[in-house]
Amino acid sequence: MRTFLYFGLTGAVGLTMLVAGTGHLIRSSDFAREVMSQRLIPARAARFAARSIAVVEMLLGVAVLLSAVRLVPERAITWILAAGAVMAAGFAAYAALLLKLRPGAPCACFGSSRPVSASSVARALALSAFAVIAAVAYRSELVLSTQEGLISAAAAVATASLLIAAPDSIEGMTIHSRRRPA
């Protein structure tokens, strides 16, 4: 179980950060405009902040993925996962602050112009928690068979896909009660 947790969650964290960072870098002008429109970072610093976030997020995603397949020095794996947890927790704090101070401001998450929401905060917190769980689950003797590796890779892709797509999808849903008023 520890093996699946480590490989699956490390892959999910790495893929999510890589996709987000790459998207922010490709759309760097749009991302910078969205960060400026949030009005939490001074306009002069927003463009630099947006590009820096995109590059760090993408590079950290690559580092986490390399950790998942253990192509980085063993002593660095826990530190890389800790950096991923801290970055995701920082995103959660920023989104929570944005939600409180500038409700209706664009989230700028994964290229979405949807307003920041509680699900934006929850997604970032989940990503941070996944990185922490993966770091705790890591042991140098973890080894996967080919079948276990394929299952862990599929779980990582599915989890990353849910982290990226589900919060925006859930945000637009309305739940209707089947109970009749008394």
N, C-alpha and C. Protein backbone atom coordinates (compact mmCIF):
# COMPACT_ATOMS: atom_id res chain seq x y z
N MET A 1 0.82 -1.20 0.00
CA MET A 1 0.00 0.00 0.00
C MET A 1 0.87 1.26 0.00
N ARG A 2 1.92 1.25 0.83
CA ARG A 2 2.83 2.39 0.89
C ARG A 2 3.43 2.68 -0.49
N THR A 3 3.74 1.61 -1.22
CA THR A 3 4.34 1.77 -2.55
C THR A 3 3.38 2.48 -3.50
N PHE A 4 2.12 2.05 -3.51
CA PHE A 4 1.13 2.69 -4.37
C PHE A 4 0.92 4.14 -3.98
N LEU A 5 0.87 4.41 -2.67
CA LEU A 5 0.70 5.80 -2.22
C LEU A 5 1.84 6.66 -2.73
N TYR A 6 3.06 6.19 -2.53
CA TYR A 6 4.21 6.99 -2.95
C TYR A 6 4.20 7.24 -4.45
N PHE A 7 4.16 6.18 -5.23
CA PHE A 7 4.26 6.35 -6.68
C PHE A 7 3.04 7.05 -7.27
N GLY A 8 1.86 6.67 -6.83
CA GLY A 8 0.64 7.28 -7.37
C GLY A 8 0.51 8.75 -7.03
N LEU A 9 0.73 9.10 -5.75
CA LEU A 9 0.58 10.50 -5.35
C LEU A 9 1.72 11.37 -5.85
N THR A 10 2.92 10.83 -5.88
CA THR A 10 4.04 11.60 -6.42
C THR A 10 3.80 11.89 -7.91
N GLY A 11 3.33 10.89 -8.64
CA GLY A 11 3.01 11.11 -10.05
C GLY A 11 1.90 12.13 -10.23
N ALA A 12 0.87 12.06 -9.39
CA ALA A 12 -0.25 13.00 -9.50
C ALA A 12 0.20 14.44 -9.22
N VAL A 13 1.00 14.62 -8.18
CA VAL A 13 1.50 15.96 -7.83
C VAL A 13 2.37 16.49 -8.96
N GLY A 14 3.29 15.66 -9.45
CA GLY A 14 4.19 16.09 -10.52
C GLY A 14 3.45 16.45 -11.79
N LEU A 15 2.52 15.58 -12.20
CA LEU A 15 1.75 15.86 -13.43
C LEU A 15 0.92 17.12 -13.30
N THR A 16 0.27 17.29 -12.15
CA THR A 16 -0.58 18.47 -11.95
C THR A 16 0.25 19.75 -12.03
N MET A 17 1.40 19.76 -11.35
CA MET A 17 2.25 20.95 -11.38
C MET A 17 2.85 21.19 -12.77
N LEU A 18 3.23 20.13 -13.44
CA LEU A 18 3.80 20.28 -14.78
C LEU A 18 2.76 20.84 -15.75
N VAL A 19 1.55 20.30 -15.71
CA VAL A 19 0.48 20.79 -16.60
C VAL A 19 0.16 22.25 -16.29
N ALA A 20 0.02 22.57 -15.01
CA ALA A 20 -0.32 23.95 -14.63
C ALA A 20 0.80 24.92 -15.03
N GLY A 21 2.03 24.57 -14.70
CA GLY A 21 3.15 25.45 -15.03
C GLY A 21 3.34 25.63 -16.52
N THR A 22 3.21 24.55 -17.27
CA THR A 22 3.35 24.63 -18.73
C THR A 22 2.24 25.51 -19.32
N GLY A 23 1.01 25.32 -18.85
CA GLY A 23 -0.10 26.15 -19.31
C GLY A 23 0.11 27.62 -18.99
N HIS A 24 0.59 27.89 -17.78
CA HIS A 24 0.85 29.29 -17.40
C HIS A 24 1.98 29.88 -18.25
N LEU A 25 2.98 29.08 -18.56
CA LEU A 25 4.09 29.58 -19.36
C LEU A 25 3.66 29.83 -20.81
N ILE A 26 2.89 28.91 -21.37
CA ILE A 26 2.41 29.07 -22.75
C ILE A 26 1.51 30.31 -22.87
N ARG A 27 0.68 30.52 -21.87
CA ARG A 27 -0.24 31.67 -21.86
C ARG A 27 0.28 32.75 -20.92
N SER A 28 1.57 33.00 -20.91
CA SER A 28 2.16 33.88 -19.90
C SER A 28 1.58 35.29 -19.91
N SER A 29 1.26 35.83 -21.07
CA SER A 29 0.67 37.17 -21.12
C SER A 29 -0.71 37.19 -20.50
N ASP A 30 -1.55 36.19 -20.84
CA ASP A 30 -2.88 36.10 -20.24
C ASP A 30 -2.79 35.86 -18.74
N PHE A 31 -1.88 34.98 -18.34
CA PHE A 31 -1.71 34.68 -16.92
C PHE A 31 -1.28 35.94 -16.16
N ALA A 32 -0.35 36.70 -16.73
CA ALA A 32 0.10 37.94 -16.09
C ALA A 32 -1.06 38.94 -15.97
N ARG A 33 -1.89 39.05 -17.00
CA ARG A 33 -3.05 39.96 -16.94
C ARG A 33 -4.02 39.52 -15.84
N GLU A 34 -4.24 38.21 -15.71
CA GLU A 34 -5.14 37.70 -14.67
C GLU A 34 -4.58 37.98 -13.28
N VAL A 35 -3.27 37.80 -13.11
CA VAL A 35 -2.64 38.09 -11.82
C VAL A 35 -2.76 39.58 -11.51
N MET A 36 -2.55 40.43 -12.52
CA MET A 36 -2.70 41.88 -12.32
C MET A 36 -4.13 42.24 -11.93
N SER A 37 -5.10 41.60 -12.59
CA SER A 37 -6.51 41.93 -12.31
C SER A 37 -6.94 41.47 -10.92
N GLN A 38 -6.19 40.55 -10.31
CA GLN A 38 -6.51 40.12 -8.94
C GLN A 38 -6.18 41.21 -7.92
N ARG A 39 -5.26 42.09 -8.28
CA ARG A 39 -4.87 43.25 -7.47
C ARG A 39 -4.37 42.90 -6.06
N LEU A 40 -3.71 41.76 -5.92
CA LEU A 40 -3.06 41.42 -4.66
C LEU A 40 -1.55 41.67 -4.74
N ILE A 41 -1.02 41.65 -5.94
CA ILE A 41 0.40 41.90 -6.19
C ILE A 41 0.48 43.22 -6.95
N PRO A 42 1.41 44.11 -6.58
CA PRO A 42 1.52 45.38 -7.31
C PRO A 42 1.68 45.14 -8.81
N ALA A 43 1.04 45.98 -9.62
CA ALA A 43 1.02 45.79 -11.08
C ALA A 43 2.42 45.64 -11.67
N ARG A 44 3.38 46.41 -11.16
CA ARG A 44 4.74 46.34 -11.70
C ARG A 44 5.39 44.98 -11.44
N ALA A 45 5.00 44.32 -10.37
CA ALA A 45 5.59 43.03 -10.01
C ALA A 45 4.79 41.85 -10.55
N ALA A 46 3.56 42.08 -10.96
CA ALA A 46 2.66 40.99 -11.35
C ALA A 46 3.19 40.20 -12.55
N ARG A 47 3.69 40.88 -13.57
CA ARG A 47 4.19 40.17 -14.76
C ARG A 47 5.37 39.28 -14.39
N PHE A 48 6.32 39.82 -13.61
CA PHE A 48 7.47 39.02 -13.18
C PHE A 48 7.01 37.85 -12.30
N ALA A 49 6.09 38.12 -11.38
CA ALA A 49 5.58 37.07 -10.49
C ALA A 49 4.91 35.96 -11.29
N ALA A 50 4.10 36.33 -12.26
CA ALA A 50 3.39 35.33 -13.07
C ALA A 50 4.37 34.45 -13.83
N ARG A 51 5.35 35.04 -14.46
CA ARG A 51 6.33 34.24 -15.21
C ARG A 51 7.17 33.37 -14.28
N SER A 52 7.55 33.93 -13.13
CA SER A 52 8.35 33.17 -12.16
C SER A 52 7.57 31.98 -11.63
N ILE A 53 6.30 32.21 -11.29
CA ILE A 53 5.45 31.13 -10.79
C ILE A 53 5.35 30.02 -11.84
N ALA A 54 5.13 30.40 -13.08
CA ALA A 54 4.99 29.41 -14.16
C ALA A 54 6.25 28.56 -14.29
N VAL A 55 7.41 29.20 -14.30
CA VAL A 55 8.67 28.46 -14.47
C VAL A 55 8.94 27.56 -13.27
N VAL A 56 8.78 28.09 -12.06
CA VAL A 56 9.04 27.29 -10.86
C VAL A 56 8.05 26.13 -10.78
N GLU A 57 6.79 26.38 -11.08
CA GLU A 57 5.78 25.33 -11.03
C GLU A 57 6.10 24.21 -12.03
N MET A 58 6.50 24.59 -13.23
CA MET A 58 6.84 23.61 -14.24
C MET A 58 8.09 22.81 -13.85
N LEU A 59 9.14 23.50 -13.40
CA LEU A 59 10.37 22.82 -13.01
C LEU A 59 10.15 21.92 -11.78
N LEU A 60 9.34 22.39 -10.85
CA LEU A 60 9.04 21.57 -9.68
C LEU A 60 8.23 20.34 -10.08
N GLY A 61 7.32 20.51 -11.04
CA GLY A 61 6.57 19.36 -11.56
C GLY A 61 7.48 18.31 -12.16
N VAL A 62 8.46 18.76 -12.94
CA VAL A 62 9.44 17.83 -13.53
C VAL A 62 10.25 17.15 -12.42
N ALA A 63 10.69 17.92 -11.43
CA ALA A 63 11.48 17.34 -10.34
C ALA A 63 10.67 16.30 -9.56
N VAL A 64 9.40 16.59 -9.31
CA VAL A 64 8.55 15.63 -8.60
C VAL A 64 8.37 14.37 -9.44
N LEU A 65 8.14 14.53 -10.74
CA LEU A 65 8.01 13.35 -11.61
C LEU A 65 9.29 12.53 -11.64
N LEU A 66 10.43 13.20 -11.67
CA LEU A 66 11.71 12.48 -11.63
C LEU A 66 11.88 11.77 -10.29
N SER A 67 11.32 12.36 -9.23
CA SER A 67 11.34 11.69 -7.92
C SER A 67 10.47 10.45 -7.93
N ALA A 68 9.34 10.52 -8.65
CA ALA A 68 8.42 9.38 -8.71
C ALA A 68 9.12 8.16 -9.30
N VAL A 69 9.96 8.38 -10.28
CA VAL A 69 10.68 7.26 -10.91
C VAL A 69 12.12 7.17 -10.38
N ARG A 70 12.39 7.93 -9.35
CA ARG A 70 13.64 7.91 -8.61
C ARG A 70 14.86 8.17 -9.49
N LEU A 71 14.77 9.21 -10.30
CA LEU A 71 15.90 9.63 -11.13
C LEU A 71 16.58 10.87 -10.55
N VAL A 72 16.35 11.12 -9.29
CA VAL A 72 17.06 12.19 -8.56
C VAL A 72 17.76 11.53 -7.39
N PRO A 73 18.76 12.19 -6.81
CA PRO A 73 19.43 11.59 -5.66
C PRO A 73 18.42 11.28 -4.55
N GLU A 74 18.60 10.15 -3.93
CA GLU A 74 17.64 9.68 -2.92
C GLU A 74 17.42 10.70 -1.81
N ARG A 75 18.48 11.37 -1.38
CA ARG A 75 18.34 12.32 -0.28
C ARG A 75 17.53 13.56 -0.68
N ALA A 76 17.35 13.78 -1.98
CA ALA A 76 16.60 14.95 -2.45
C ALA A 76 15.10 14.70 -2.55
N ILE A 77 14.68 13.46 -2.59
CA ILE A 77 13.27 13.13 -2.85
C ILE A 77 12.34 13.77 -1.83
N THR A 78 12.61 13.61 -0.56
CA THR A 78 11.75 14.18 0.47
C THR A 78 11.73 15.70 0.38
N TRP A 79 12.87 16.31 0.08
CA TRP A 79 12.94 17.78 -0.03
C TRP A 79 12.14 18.27 -1.24
N ILE A 80 12.21 17.55 -2.33
CA ILE A 80 11.44 17.94 -3.52
C ILE A 80 9.95 17.86 -3.24
N LEU A 81 9.52 16.78 -2.59
CA LEU A 81 8.10 16.65 -2.24
C LEU A 81 7.69 17.72 -1.23
N ALA A 82 8.57 18.05 -0.30
CA ALA A 82 8.27 19.13 0.66
C ALA A 82 8.11 20.46 -0.07
N ALA A 83 8.96 20.71 -1.06
CA ALA A 83 8.84 21.95 -1.84
C ALA A 83 7.51 21.98 -2.59
N GLY A 84 7.09 20.83 -3.13
CA GLY A 84 5.79 20.76 -3.79
C GLY A 84 4.65 21.03 -2.83
N ALA A 85 4.75 20.49 -1.62
CA ALA A 85 3.72 20.72 -0.60
C ALA A 85 3.66 22.19 -0.21
N VAL A 86 4.81 22.81 -0.03
CA VAL A 86 4.85 24.22 0.35
C VAL A 86 4.29 25.11 -0.77
N MET A 87 4.66 24.81 -2.01
CA MET A 87 4.15 25.61 -3.13
C MET A 87 2.64 25.49 -3.23
N ALA A 88 2.11 24.28 -3.14
CA ALA A 88 0.66 24.08 -3.21
C ALA A 88 -0.04 24.75 -2.03
N ALA A 89 0.55 24.67 -0.83
CA ALA A 89 -0.03 25.35 0.34
C ALA A 89 -0.01 26.86 0.14
N GLY A 90 1.04 27.36 -0.49
CA GLY A 90 1.10 28.79 -0.82
C GLY A 90 0.00 29.19 -1.79
N PHE A 91 -0.25 28.34 -2.79
CA PHE A 91 -1.36 28.60 -3.71
C PHE A 91 -2.69 28.62 -2.97
N ALA A 92 -2.86 27.68 -2.03
CA ALA A 92 -4.11 27.63 -1.25
C ALA A 92 -4.28 28.90 -0.43
N ALA A 93 -3.21 29.35 0.21
CA ALA A 93 -3.28 30.58 1.02
C ALA A 93 -3.59 31.79 0.14
N TYR A 94 -2.94 31.86 -1.02
CA TYR A 94 -3.18 32.98 -1.94
C TYR A 94 -4.64 32.96 -2.42
N ALA A 95 -5.13 31.78 -2.79
CA ALA A 95 -6.52 31.67 -3.26
C ALA A 95 -7.50 32.02 -2.15
N ALA A 96 -7.21 31.61 -0.91
CA ALA A 96 -8.09 31.94 0.21
C ALA A 96 -8.10 33.44 0.46
N LEU A 97 -6.93 34.06 0.39
CA LEU A 97 -6.84 35.52 0.56
C LEU A 97 -7.57 36.24 -0.58
N LEU A 98 -7.39 35.75 -1.78
CA LEU A 98 -8.07 36.33 -2.93
C LEU A 98 -9.59 36.19 -2.79
N LEU A 99 -10.03 35.04 -2.34
CA LEU A 99 -11.46 34.80 -2.13
C LEU A 99 -12.03 35.76 -1.09
N LYS A 100 -11.26 36.03 -0.05
CA LYS A 100 -11.73 36.92 1.01
C LYS A 100 -11.68 38.40 0.59
N LEU A 101 -10.58 38.81 -0.02
CA LEU A 101 -10.38 40.23 -0.32
C LEU A 101 -10.93 40.68 -1.67
N ARG A 102 -10.93 39.76 -2.64
CA ARG A 102 -11.37 40.12 -4.00
C ARG A 102 -12.30 39.05 -4.56
N PRO A 103 -13.44 38.79 -3.89
CA PRO A 103 -14.36 37.78 -4.42
C PRO A 103 -14.76 38.13 -5.85
N GLY A 104 -14.81 37.14 -6.69
CA GLY A 104 -15.15 37.37 -8.09
C GLY A 104 -13.94 37.57 -8.98
N ALA A 105 -12.75 37.73 -8.38
CA ALA A 105 -11.52 37.87 -9.17
C ALA A 105 -11.22 36.54 -9.85
N PRO A 106 -10.57 36.58 -11.01
CA PRO A 106 -10.27 35.32 -11.70
C PRO A 106 -9.27 34.48 -10.90
N CYS A 107 -9.49 33.18 -10.90
CA CYS A 107 -8.60 32.25 -10.19
C CYS A 107 -7.26 32.16 -10.92
N ALA A 108 -7.30 32.09 -12.24
CA ALA A 108 -6.12 31.91 -13.08
C ALA A 108 -5.53 30.51 -12.90
N CYS A 109 -6.31 29.60 -12.36
CA CYS A 109 -5.87 28.22 -12.16
C CYS A 109 -6.01 27.44 -13.46
N PHE A 110 -4.94 26.85 -13.92
CA PHE A 110 -4.96 26.00 -15.12
C PHE A 110 -5.54 26.73 -16.32
N GLY A 111 -5.33 28.03 -16.41
CA GLY A 111 -5.81 28.78 -17.55
C GLY A 111 -7.28 29.16 -17.49
N SER A 112 -7.92 28.88 -16.37
CA SER A 112 -9.34 29.19 -16.24
C SER A 112 -9.53 30.66 -15.84
N SER A 113 -10.48 31.30 -16.43
CA SER A 113 -10.80 32.68 -16.04
C SER A 113 -11.98 32.69 -15.07
N ARG A 114 -12.41 31.51 -14.62
CA ARG A 114 -13.50 31.43 -13.65
C ARG A 114 -13.09 32.13 -12.37
N PRO A 115 -14.05 32.66 -11.65
CA PRO A 115 -13.71 33.32 -10.38
C PRO A 115 -13.13 32.33 -9.37
N VAL A 116 -12.26 32.84 -8.51
CA VAL A 116 -11.70 32.02 -7.44
C VAL A 116 -12.86 31.55 -6.56
N SER A 117 -12.72 30.34 -6.03
CA SER A 117 -13.81 29.77 -5.23
C SER A 117 -13.21 28.89 -4.13
N ALA A 118 -14.08 28.41 -3.27
CA ALA A 118 -13.64 27.49 -2.23
C ALA A 118 -13.03 26.23 -2.84
N SER A 119 -13.51 25.81 -4.00
CA SER A 119 -12.95 24.61 -4.63
C SER A 119 -11.52 24.87 -5.13
N SER A 120 -11.20 26.12 -5.46
CA SER A 120 -9.82 26.46 -5.84
C SER A 120 -8.88 26.26 -4.65
N VAL A 121 -9.35 26.69 -3.48
CA VAL A 121 -8.57 26.52 -2.26
C VAL A 121 -8.45 25.03 -1.93
N ALA A 122 -9.56 24.31 -2.02
CA ALA A 122 -9.56 22.88 -1.69
C ALA A 122 -8.63 22.10 -2.62
N ARG A 123 -8.62 22.43 -3.90
CA ARG A 123 -7.74 21.73 -4.84
C ARG A 123 -6.28 21.92 -4.45
N ALA A 124 -5.90 23.14 -4.13
CA ALA A 124 -4.50 23.40 -3.75
C ALA A 124 -4.15 22.71 -2.43
N LEU A 125 -5.09 22.69 -1.49
CA LEU A 125 -4.85 21.98 -0.23
C LEU A 125 -4.71 20.48 -0.46
N ALA A 126 -5.53 19.92 -1.34
CA ALA A 126 -5.43 18.49 -1.66
C ALA A 126 -4.07 18.18 -2.29
N LEU A 127 -3.62 19.03 -3.19
CA LEU A 127 -2.33 18.83 -3.83
C LEU A 127 -1.21 18.87 -2.78
N SER A 128 -1.29 19.81 -1.86
CA SER A 128 -0.30 19.90 -0.79
C SER A 128 -0.32 18.64 0.08
N ALA A 129 -1.51 18.21 0.44
CA ALA A 129 -1.65 16.99 1.27
C ALA A 129 -1.10 15.77 0.54
N PHE A 130 -1.35 15.66 -0.75
CA PHE A 130 -0.83 14.53 -1.52
C PHE A 130 0.70 14.51 -1.49
N ALA A 131 1.31 15.68 -1.61
CA ALA A 131 2.78 15.75 -1.57
C ALA A 131 3.30 15.33 -0.20
N VAL A 132 2.62 15.76 0.87
CA VAL A 132 3.04 15.38 2.22
C VAL A 132 2.89 13.88 2.42
N ILE A 133 1.77 13.32 2.01
CA ILE A 133 1.53 11.87 2.15
C ILE A 133 2.58 11.08 1.37
N ALA A 134 2.90 11.53 0.16
CA ALA A 134 3.92 10.85 -0.64
C ALA A 134 5.28 10.90 0.05
N ALA A 135 5.61 12.05 0.64
CA ALA A 135 6.90 12.18 1.34
C ALA A 135 6.96 11.24 2.54
N VAL A 136 5.85 11.13 3.27
CA VAL A 136 5.81 10.24 4.43
C VAL A 136 5.87 8.78 3.98
N ALA A 137 5.24 8.46 2.86
CA ALA A 137 5.19 7.08 2.36
C ALA A 137 6.52 6.64 1.75
N TYR A 138 7.39 7.59 1.40
CA TYR A 138 8.63 7.25 0.71
C TYR A 138 9.56 6.41 1.59
N ARG A 139 10.10 5.40 0.99
CA ARG A 139 11.16 4.58 1.58
C ARG A 139 12.09 4.17 0.45
N SER A 140 13.35 4.11 0.70
CA SER A 140 14.31 3.81 -0.37
C SER A 140 14.12 2.41 -0.95
N GLU A 141 13.55 1.49 -0.19
CA GLU A 141 13.42 0.13 -0.70
C GLU A 141 12.13 -0.11 -1.48
N LEU A 142 11.34 0.92 -1.71
CA LEU A 142 10.10 0.75 -2.48
C LEU A 142 10.42 0.33 -3.91
N VAL A 143 9.80 -0.74 -4.34
CA VAL A 143 10.00 -1.25 -5.70
C VAL A 143 8.65 -1.70 -6.23
N LEU A 144 8.39 -1.41 -7.49
CA LEU A 144 7.14 -1.82 -8.13
C LEU A 144 7.42 -2.84 -9.22
N SER A 145 6.52 -3.81 -9.34
CA SER A 145 6.57 -4.68 -10.50
C SER A 145 6.05 -3.88 -11.70
N THR A 146 6.17 -4.40 -12.89
CA THR A 146 5.67 -3.71 -14.08
C THR A 146 4.17 -3.45 -13.96
N GLN A 147 3.42 -4.46 -13.52
CA GLN A 147 1.98 -4.31 -13.38
C GLN A 147 1.64 -3.24 -12.34
N GLU A 148 2.31 -3.26 -11.20
CA GLU A 148 2.07 -2.26 -10.17
C GLU A 148 2.45 -0.86 -10.66
N GLY A 149 3.53 -0.79 -11.44
CA GLY A 149 3.94 0.50 -12.00
C GLY A 149 2.90 1.07 -12.94
N LEU A 150 2.32 0.21 -13.78
CA LEU A 150 1.28 0.67 -14.71
C LEU A 150 0.03 1.12 -13.95
N ILE A 151 -0.32 0.38 -12.91
CA ILE A 151 -1.49 0.75 -12.10
C ILE A 151 -1.23 2.09 -11.39
N SER A 152 -0.04 2.26 -10.83
CA SER A 152 0.30 3.52 -10.16
C SER A 152 0.31 4.68 -11.14
N ALA A 153 0.84 4.45 -12.35
CA ALA A 153 0.86 5.51 -13.36
C ALA A 153 -0.55 5.89 -13.77
N ALA A 154 -1.42 4.90 -13.94
CA ALA A 154 -2.82 5.19 -14.29
C ALA A 154 -3.51 5.95 -13.16
N ALA A 155 -3.24 5.55 -11.92
CA ALA A 155 -3.83 6.25 -10.77
C ALA A 155 -3.32 7.69 -10.71
N ALA A 156 -2.05 7.90 -11.01
CA ALA A 156 -1.49 9.25 -11.01
C ALA A 156 -2.15 10.13 -12.06
N VAL A 157 -2.31 9.60 -13.27
CA VAL A 157 -2.94 10.36 -14.35
C VAL A 157 -4.39 10.67 -14.00
N ALA A 158 -5.11 9.68 -13.45
CA ALA A 158 -6.52 9.90 -13.08
C ALA A 158 -6.64 10.94 -11.98
N THR A 159 -5.78 10.84 -10.97
CA THR A 159 -5.83 11.81 -9.86
C THR A 159 -5.49 13.21 -10.34
N ALA A 160 -4.44 13.34 -11.16
CA ALA A 160 -4.07 14.65 -11.69
C ALA A 160 -5.20 15.22 -12.54
N SER A 161 -5.83 14.39 -13.35
CA SER A 161 -6.95 14.85 -14.18
C SER A 161 -8.10 15.37 -13.32
N LEU A 162 -8.38 14.66 -12.24
CA LEU A 162 -9.45 15.11 -11.33
C LEU A 162 -9.08 16.42 -10.65
N LEU A 163 -7.83 16.55 -10.23
CA LEU A 163 -7.40 17.80 -9.60
C LEU A 163 -7.52 18.98 -10.55
N ILE A 164 -7.22 18.74 -11.81
CA ILE A 164 -7.25 19.81 -12.80
C ILE A 164 -8.68 20.16 -13.21
N ALA A 165 -9.50 19.16 -13.49
CA ALA A 165 -10.81 19.39 -14.09
C ALA A 165 -11.98 19.45 -13.11
N ALA A 166 -11.96 18.63 -12.08
CA ALA A 166 -13.14 18.48 -11.24
C ALA A 166 -13.60 19.74 -10.51
N PRO A 167 -12.71 20.51 -9.88
CA PRO A 167 -13.22 21.67 -9.15
C PRO A 167 -14.01 22.65 -10.02
N ASP A 168 -13.54 22.92 -11.23
CA ASP A 168 -14.29 23.83 -12.10
C ASP A 168 -15.61 23.20 -12.54
N SER A 169 -15.61 21.89 -12.74
CA SER A 169 -16.85 21.21 -13.12
C SER A 169 -17.85 21.21 -11.98
N ILE A 170 -17.37 20.93 -10.77
CA ILE A 170 -18.24 20.88 -9.60
C ILE A 170 -18.82 22.25 -9.31
N GLU A 171 -18.02 23.29 -9.51
CA GLU A 171 -18.43 24.66 -9.21
C GLU A 171 -19.72 25.04 -9.93
N GLY A 172 -19.92 24.54 -11.15
CA GLY A 172 -21.10 24.89 -11.92
C GLY A 172 -22.31 24.02 -11.66
N MET A 173 -22.15 23.00 -10.82
CA MET A 173 -23.25 22.07 -10.57
C MET A 173 -24.17 22.60 -9.47
N THR A 174 -25.43 22.24 -9.57
CA THR A 174 -26.40 22.58 -8.55
C THR A 174 -27.00 21.28 -8.05
N ILE A 175 -27.09 21.16 -6.75
CA ILE A 175 -27.66 19.96 -6.15
C ILE A 175 -29.08 20.29 -5.73
N HIS A 176 -30.01 19.50 -6.20
CA HIS A 176 -31.42 19.70 -5.85
C HIS A 176 -31.83 18.63 -4.85
N SER A 177 -32.50 19.05 -3.83
CA SER A 177 -32.98 18.13 -2.81
C SER A 177 -34.26 17.47 -3.29
N ARG A 178 -34.41 16.19 -2.97
CA ARG A 178 -35.63 15.47 -3.34
C ARG A 178 -36.67 15.56 -2.23
N ARG A 179 -36.28 16.13 -1.10
CA ARG A 179 -37.22 16.26 0.00
C ARG A 179 -38.27 17.32 -0.32
N ARG A 180 -39.44 17.02 0.09
CA ARG A 180 -40.53 18.00 -0.08
C ARG A 180 -40.59 18.89 1.16
N PRO A 181 -40.88 20.15 0.96
CA PRO A 181 -40.98 21.03 2.14
C PRO A 181 -42.08 20.55 3.07
N ALA A 182 -41.86 20.69 4.37
CA ALA A 182 -42.84 20.23 5.36
C ALA A 182 -43.98 21.19 5.53
